[in-house]
Amino acid sequence: MNIFDLVRLLGISLDNAIEATTKNKGEIQIALIQEPKQLSIIINNTISSHNDVTKMMQDGFTTKKNHSGFGLVTVADIEKKYPNLFVQYRQNHHWFNLTIVIIK
């Protein structure tokens, strides 16, 4: 995987987690799990309201004022470039979970 794509992927993911937790003084949990055949990056953050993940991945979706809303669209574009990259989003009552898996 190109290092610039990885940095962009992580930058967007961490920026979204920080933005989601700033207003309500929430929590962010990050885990890096290195295994012989894959690297998993898990970013969990608390949420104060639920958004439909499908809508979040559409062009122009944003929760920020005066923002273009291309973050998760860019993540999806990066994911399409690499057949060994998998990105999964989940939400439950108070947490948003992002799992990034890179198969070696």
Protein backbone atom coordinates (compact mmCIF):
# COMPACT_ATOMS: atom_id res chain seq x y z
CA MET A 1 0.00 0.00 0.00
CA ASN A 2 1.26 3.44 -0.88
CA ILE A 3 2.33 5.24 2.31
CA PHE A 4 0.54 8.44 1.27
CA ASP A 5 -2.75 6.55 0.91
CA LEU A 6 -2.25 4.98 4.34
CA VAL A 7 -1.51 8.35 5.94
CA ARG A 8 -4.57 9.89 4.25
CA LEU A 9 -6.76 6.98 5.38
CA LEU A 10 -5.58 7.28 8.99
CA GLY A 11 -5.75 11.08 8.92
CA ILE A 12 -9.38 11.12 7.81
CA SER A 13 -10.32 8.40 10.29
CA LEU A 14 -8.66 10.08 13.26
CA ASP A 15 -9.94 13.53 12.29
CA ASN A 16 -13.50 12.16 12.19
CA ALA A 17 -13.09 10.52 15.60
CA ILE A 18 -11.67 13.72 17.11
CA GLU A 19 -14.45 15.83 15.61
CA ALA A 20 -17.12 13.44 16.94
CA THR A 21 -15.75 13.55 20.49
CA THR A 22 -14.75 17.19 20.87
CA LYS A 23 -18.20 18.61 21.59
CA ASN A 24 -19.21 16.05 24.22
CA LYS A 25 -15.75 15.36 25.70
CA GLY A 26 -16.03 11.77 24.47
CA GLU A 27 -13.51 8.98 24.24
CA ILE A 28 -11.34 7.59 21.46
CA GLN A 29 -9.82 4.11 21.55
CA ILE A 30 -7.15 3.06 19.06
CA ALA A 31 -5.66 -0.40 18.61
CA LEU A 32 -3.01 -1.63 16.18
CA ILE A 33 -2.86 -5.40 15.88
CA GLN A 34 0.06 -6.86 13.93
CA GLU A 35 -0.37 -10.47 12.90
CA PRO A 36 1.78 -12.56 10.56
CA LYS A 37 -0.57 -12.07 7.58
CA GLN A 38 -2.42 -8.87 8.36
CA LEU A 39 -2.42 -5.52 10.14
CA SER A 40 -5.63 -4.39 11.81
CA ILE A 41 -6.24 -0.81 12.87
CA ILE A 42 -9.27 -0.24 15.08
CA ILE A 43 -10.53 3.24 15.90
CA ASN A 44 -13.53 3.53 18.22
CA ASN A 45 -15.08 6.79 19.37
CA THR A 46 -18.10 7.74 21.39
CA ILE A 47 -20.98 9.42 19.57
CA SER A 48 -23.72 11.72 20.79
CA SER A 49 -26.08 11.06 17.88
CA HIS A 50 -26.52 8.36 15.27
CA ASN A 51 -26.02 8.94 11.55
CA ASP A 52 -26.80 6.44 8.84
CA VAL A 53 -23.40 5.06 7.76
CA THR A 54 -24.65 4.73 4.18
CA LYS A 55 -25.46 8.45 4.11
CA MET A 56 -22.12 9.28 5.73
CA MET A 57 -20.33 7.69 2.78
CA GLN A 58 -22.08 9.86 0.17
CA ASP A 59 -20.49 12.86 -1.55
CA GLY A 60 -21.07 16.04 0.40
CA PHE A 61 -22.15 14.51 3.72
CA THR A 62 -20.65 16.47 6.59
CA THR A 63 -21.40 17.45 10.15
CA LYS A 64 -19.03 20.42 9.94
CA LYS A 65 -19.95 23.96 8.87
CA ASN A 66 -18.36 25.14 5.61
CA HIS A 67 -16.87 21.74 4.83
CA SER A 68 -16.89 19.73 1.61
CA GLY A 69 -17.73 16.36 3.18
CA PHE A 70 -15.43 14.16 1.11
CA GLY A 71 -13.74 12.25 3.98
CA LEU A 72 -15.47 8.89 3.83
CA VAL A 73 -15.80 9.13 0.05
CA THR A 74 -12.00 9.48 -0.08
CA VAL A 75 -11.65 6.47 2.24
CA ALA A 76 -13.88 4.44 -0.12
CA ASP A 77 -11.79 5.58 -3.12
CA ILE A 78 -8.59 4.47 -1.37
CA GLU A 79 -10.19 1.13 -0.46
CA LYS A 80 -11.08 0.53 -4.14
CA LYS A 81 -7.41 0.88 -5.13
CA TYR A 82 -6.24 -2.02 -2.96
CA PRO A 83 -7.79 -5.51 -3.09
CA ASN A 84 -6.02 -6.34 0.19
CA LEU A 85 -7.59 -3.41 2.09
CA PHE A 86 -10.88 -3.78 3.96
CA VAL A 87 -12.69 -0.98 5.82
CA GLN A 88 -15.72 -1.64 8.01
CA TYR A 89 -17.93 0.82 9.91
CA ARG A 90 -20.35 -0.05 12.70
CA GLN A 91 -22.37 1.87 15.27
CA ASN A 92 -24.05 0.81 18.46
CA HIS A 93 -25.74 2.84 21.19
CA HIS A 94 -22.83 5.10 22.10
CA TRP A 95 -19.89 4.06 19.93
CA PHE A 96 -18.78 4.38 16.32
CA ASN A 97 -16.36 1.61 15.32
CA LEU A 98 -13.97 1.70 12.36
CA THR A 99 -11.88 -1.33 11.48
CA ILE A 100 -9.19 -1.18 8.82
CA VAL A 101 -7.57 -4.48 7.79
CA ILE A 102 -4.57 -4.69 5.49
CA ILE A 103 -3.76 -8.21 4.29
CA LYS A 104 -0.07 -8.79 3.63
